[in-house]
Protein backbone atom coordinates (compact mmCIF):
# COMPACT_ATOMS: atom_id res chain seq x y z
CA UNK A 1 153.32 62.15 80.49
CA UNK A 2 149.87 61.51 81.97
CA UNK A 3 148.08 64.33 83.70
CA UNK A 4 146.84 63.79 87.26
CA UNK A 5 143.17 62.86 87.60
CA UNK A 6 141.86 66.23 88.78
CA UNK A 7 138.54 66.44 86.92
CA UNK A 8 136.43 65.26 89.89
CA UNK A 9 136.13 68.90 91.01
CA UNK A 10 133.72 69.94 88.30
CA UNK A 11 131.00 72.14 89.81
CA UNK A 12 128.44 69.35 89.73
CA UNK A 13 126.45 69.94 92.88
CA UNK A 14 126.70 71.78 96.15
CA UNK A 15 125.25 71.40 99.59
CA UNK A 16 124.86 73.31 102.81
CA UNK A 17 125.42 71.63 106.17
CA UNK A 18 124.59 73.41 109.42
CA UNK A 19 123.58 71.81 112.72
CA UNK A 20 123.83 68.33 111.16
CA UNK A 21 121.16 69.29 108.59
CA UNK A 22 122.26 68.86 104.97
CA UNK A 23 120.53 70.66 102.10
CA UNK A 24 121.90 69.21 98.84
CA UNK A 25 119.80 71.07 96.29
CA UNK A 26 121.90 74.27 96.14
CA UNK A 27 122.05 75.54 92.53
CA UNK A 28 124.64 78.28 92.89
CA UNK A 29 127.13 79.64 95.41
CA UNK A 30 128.60 83.11 94.81
CA UNK A 31 130.97 85.34 96.74
CA UNK A 32 132.66 82.60 98.75
CA UNK A 33 136.17 83.81 99.51
CA UNK A 34 138.92 84.08 102.08
CA UNK A 35 140.45 87.53 102.29
CA UNK A 36 142.68 89.63 104.50
CA UNK A 37 143.80 93.22 104.74
CA UNK A 38 147.11 94.33 103.27
CA UNK A 39 149.38 96.57 105.32
CA UNK A 40 151.84 98.82 103.53
CA UNK A 41 155.06 99.43 105.42
CA UNK A 42 156.87 102.47 104.03
CA UNK A 43 160.53 102.97 104.80
CA UNK A 44 163.87 104.03 103.44
CA UNK A 45 166.69 101.65 102.63
CA UNK A 46 170.14 102.24 104.16
CA UNK A 47 171.17 103.99 100.94
CA UNK A 48 168.16 106.36 101.14
CA UNK A 49 165.81 104.84 98.58
CA UNK A 50 162.08 104.87 99.30
CA UNK A 51 160.61 101.39 99.70
CA UNK A 52 157.11 99.96 100.20
CA UNK A 53 156.75 96.48 101.62
CA UNK A 54 153.35 94.76 101.71
CA UNK A 55 152.52 92.64 104.73
CA UNK A 56 149.54 90.45 105.59
CA UNK A 57 147.01 92.13 107.86
CA UNK A 58 143.90 91.00 109.69
CA UNK A 59 141.60 88.43 108.12
CA UNK A 60 138.32 89.85 106.82
CA UNK A 61 134.90 88.44 107.52
CA UNK A 62 133.11 87.11 104.47
CA UNK A 63 129.74 86.95 102.81
CA UNK A 64 128.30 84.55 100.25
CA UNK A 65 124.98 83.93 98.51
CA UNK A 66 123.34 80.54 98.04
CA UNK A 67 120.61 79.98 95.45
CA UNK A 68 118.19 77.07 95.39
CA UNK A 69 114.83 76.26 93.88
CA UNK A 70 111.89 77.32 96.02
CA UNK A 71 110.58 74.38 98.08
CA UNK A 72 108.25 73.85 101.02
CA UNK A 73 111.31 73.67 103.31
CA UNK A 74 111.26 76.78 105.50
CA UNK A 75 114.67 76.42 107.18
CA UNK A 76 116.04 79.47 105.33
CA UNK A 77 113.14 81.64 106.51
CA UNK A 78 113.51 80.44 110.11
CA UNK A 79 117.23 81.18 110.07
CA UNK A 80 116.75 84.73 108.77
CA UNK A 81 113.95 85.33 111.27
CA UNK A 82 116.25 84.52 114.21
CA UNK A 83 118.61 87.36 113.30
CA UNK A 84 115.70 89.73 112.57
CA UNK A 85 114.32 89.31 116.09
CA UNK A 86 117.79 89.64 117.63
CA UNK A 87 118.32 86.00 118.64
CA UNK A 88 121.95 86.01 117.54
CA UNK A 89 122.81 83.08 119.81
CA UNK A 90 120.38 80.96 117.80
CA UNK A 91 121.26 82.62 114.48
CA UNK A 92 125.04 82.13 114.60
CA UNK A 93 125.98 78.66 113.41
CA UNK A 94 129.03 76.72 112.40
CA UNK A 95 128.80 74.67 109.25
CA UNK A 96 130.04 74.19 105.74
CA UNK A 97 129.32 74.54 102.07
CA UNK A 98 130.11 71.19 100.48
CA UNK A 99 131.11 70.50 96.87
CA UNK A 100 130.11 67.06 95.59
CA UNK A 101 131.55 65.15 92.65
CA UNK A 102 129.46 63.44 89.97
CA UNK A 103 128.95 60.38 92.21
CA UNK A 104 127.60 62.46 95.10
CA UNK A 105 130.72 62.10 97.24
CA UNK A 106 131.96 65.24 99.01
CA UNK A 107 135.29 66.48 97.61
CA UNK A 108 135.70 69.81 99.41
CA UNK A 109 134.20 71.62 102.39
CA UNK A 110 134.29 75.35 103.02
CA UNK A 111 133.85 75.51 106.79
CA UNK A 112 132.41 78.72 108.20
CA UNK A 113 132.33 79.88 111.80
CA UNK A 114 129.68 82.10 113.33
CA UNK A 115 127.69 82.26 110.10
CA UNK A 116 124.24 83.82 110.14
CA UNK A 117 121.58 84.50 107.56
CA UNK A 118 121.62 88.17 106.61
CA UNK A 119 118.86 88.15 104.00
CA UNK A 120 116.54 85.99 101.95
CA UNK A 121 115.43 87.04 98.47
CA UNK A 122 112.67 85.29 96.55
CA UNK A 123 112.89 85.28 92.74
CA UNK A 124 110.47 87.31 90.63
CA UNK A 125 106.84 86.26 90.85
CA UNK A 126 105.37 86.77 87.40
CA UNK A 127 102.07 85.40 86.13
CA UNK A 128 102.50 83.03 83.19
CA UNK A 129 106.26 82.66 83.71
CA UNK A 130 107.52 79.09 83.32
CA UNK A 131 110.90 79.51 84.99
CA UNK A 132 111.64 77.90 88.35
CA UNK A 133 111.18 80.13 91.40
CA UNK A 134 114.35 80.50 93.43
CA UNK A 135 115.35 81.77 96.82
CA UNK A 136 118.69 83.40 97.53
CA UNK A 137 120.10 83.23 101.04
CA UNK A 138 122.92 85.63 101.90
CA UNK A 139 125.19 84.42 104.69
CA UNK A 140 127.75 86.43 106.55
CA UNK A 141 130.53 84.62 108.41
CA UNK A 142 133.50 85.51 110.59
CA UNK A 143 136.07 82.99 109.34
CA UNK A 144 136.33 80.32 106.67
CA UNK A 145 138.72 77.44 106.20
CA UNK A 146 138.98 74.90 103.40
CA UNK A 147 138.90 71.20 104.18
CA UNK A 148 139.59 68.59 101.49
CA UNK A 149 137.19 65.72 102.13
């Protein structure tokens, strides 16, 4: 029996799309998840036994970190600066993290609502080091949904 062709989802490359701007050179995405609270309902059965039933609760807001090589593009810095000065109308954006296959075609989108840049961390600056400088952008978002492209 042949297995379905599912190997197109290898973590080949990732992109960030907000306000119709696409940044394709994302090296790593961590912490991306959908989560909700769990409510425990405790009760007794008709025959007197103690019972705990777990129910879905409220969805939780999320947070993820994107890493890319340091470039002259200053869009990450501008985004963080908006939240630092309190311009939350300009800082909150809708967009997506996109996973691309080996041909560069999008295969999955993780759509986020009301996302804003919480922090920006620059990699270690060390004289004589030959490693690539990186910047890590931490995003916080209110909701996320998955869209198969």
